[in-house]
C-alpha cells in the first residue's frame, strides 16, 4: 500500500507541477498578446507617418511653391528687394 501512496503522491506532485507550469504559460500568452496589440498600434501609427513623409518628399520634389513656402517660414528666406519686419514677441 505504501507503493500506491507514493505513486499517488508522485502523480499529484506531477499534476501540480504541470498545473503551475500551465498557469505560467497562460499568463505569458496574455502578456504576449498585449505586446502584439501594442506593436500593431505602433505599426499603424508608423505607417501613417511614413505616408505623410512620402507625400512631403513628393511635394518637395515637384512643387516649387511648397519649397519656397517652407524656405520662407522655417529658414526665414526672403526674395531680393523684400523687406522683413520683425516684431517683438508678446510673451512675458
Protein backbone atom coordinates (compact mmCIF):
# COMPACT_ATOMS: atom_id res chain seq x y z
CA UNK A 1 0.00 0.00 0.00
CA UNK A 2 2.86 2.40 0.59
CA UNK A 3 3.84 1.94 -3.01
CA UNK A 4 0.37 3.06 -4.10
CA UNK A 5 0.56 6.06 -1.80
CA UNK A 6 3.96 7.01 -3.19
CA UNK A 7 2.70 6.59 -6.76
CA UNK A 8 -0.36 8.71 -5.98
CA UNK A 9 1.75 11.37 -4.31
CA UNK A 10 4.13 11.40 -7.29
CA UNK A 11 1.19 11.67 -9.66
CA UNK A 12 -0.31 14.55 -7.66
CA UNK A 13 3.06 16.28 -7.49
CA UNK A 14 3.48 15.89 -11.24
CA UNK A 15 0.00 17.22 -11.92
CA UNK A 16 0.60 20.17 -9.58
CA UNK A 17 3.84 20.94 -11.41
CA UNK A 18 2.07 20.79 -14.76
CA UNK A 19 -0.71 22.99 -13.40
CA UNK A 20 1.72 25.63 -12.21
CA UNK A 21 3.67 25.46 -15.48
CA UNK A 22 0.43 25.72 -17.48
CA UNK A 23 -0.79 28.69 -15.45
CA UNK A 24 2.54 30.44 -16.01
CA UNK A 25 2.25 29.82 -19.74
CA UNK A 26 -1.31 31.18 -19.82
CA UNK A 27 -0.08 34.37 -18.14
CA UNK A 28 2.81 34.59 -20.61
CA UNK A 29 0.47 34.15 -23.58
CA UNK A 30 -1.66 37.02 -22.24
CA UNK A 31 1.42 39.22 -21.94
CA UNK A 32 2.48 38.35 -25.47
CA UNK A 33 -0.97 39.17 -26.84
CA UNK A 34 -0.86 42.58 -25.17
CA UNK A 35 2.62 43.18 -26.61
CA UNK A 36 1.41 42.21 -30.08
CA UNK A 37 -1.58 44.55 -29.80
CA UNK A 38 0.71 47.43 -28.74
CA UNK A 39 3.10 46.70 -31.62
CA UNK A 40 0.21 46.60 -34.09
CA UNK A 41 -0.95 50.02 -32.87
CA UNK A 42 2.60 51.33 -33.24
CA UNK A 43 2.77 49.85 -36.73
CA UNK A 44 -0.43 51.66 -37.78
CA UNK A 45 1.00 54.93 -36.44
CA UNK A 46 4.33 54.41 -38.19
CA UNK A 47 2.64 53.55 -41.50
CA UNK A 48 0.58 56.75 -41.31
CA UNK A 49 3.73 58.78 -40.56
CA UNK A 50 5.55 57.10 -43.45
CA UNK A 51 2.70 58.07 -45.77
CA UNK A 52 2.85 61.69 -44.55
CA UNK A 53 6.59 61.83 -45.11
CA UNK A 54 6.29 60.24 -48.56
CA UNK A 55 3.75 62.88 -49.55
CA UNK A 56 6.03 65.61 -48.22
CA UNK A 57 9.00 64.25 -50.19
CA UNK A 58 6.87 64.15 -53.34
CA UNK A 59 5.80 67.78 -52.79
CA UNK A 60 9.41 68.82 -52.20
CA UNK A 61 10.39 67.21 -55.49
CA UNK A 62 7.54 68.56 -57.61
CA UNK A 63 6.07 71.72 -56.01
CA UNK A 64 8.36 74.77 -56.13
CA UNK A 65 5.76 76.91 -54.34
CA UNK A 66 5.79 74.48 -51.40
CA UNK A 67 9.59 74.57 -51.26
CA UNK A 68 9.51 78.38 -51.28
CA UNK A 69 6.87 78.43 -48.53
CA UNK A 70 8.99 76.17 -46.32
CA UNK A 71 12.13 78.20 -47.01
CA UNK A 72 10.36 81.38 -46.03
CA UNK A 73 8.62 80.01 -42.92
CA UNK A 74 11.29 77.75 -41.50
CA UNK A 75 14.53 79.30 -42.73
CA UNK A 76 13.50 82.96 -42.93
CA UNK A 77 14.47 83.32 -46.59
CA UNK A 78 13.33 86.41 -48.50
CA UNK A 79 13.48 87.48 -52.10
CA UNK A 80 15.68 90.33 -53.30
CA UNK A 81 14.00 93.65 -52.64
CA UNK A 82 11.65 92.34 -49.94
CA UNK A 83 11.63 93.95 -46.54
CA UNK A 84 11.17 91.79 -43.46
CA UNK A 85 9.51 93.27 -40.42
CA UNK A 86 10.16 91.52 -37.13
CA UNK A 87 8.02 92.30 -34.14
CA UNK A 88 8.96 91.54 -30.55
CA UNK A 89 7.10 88.59 -29.13
CA UNK A 90 4.23 89.36 -26.82
CA UNK A 91 5.36 86.71 -24.30
CA UNK A 92 6.41 87.92 -20.88
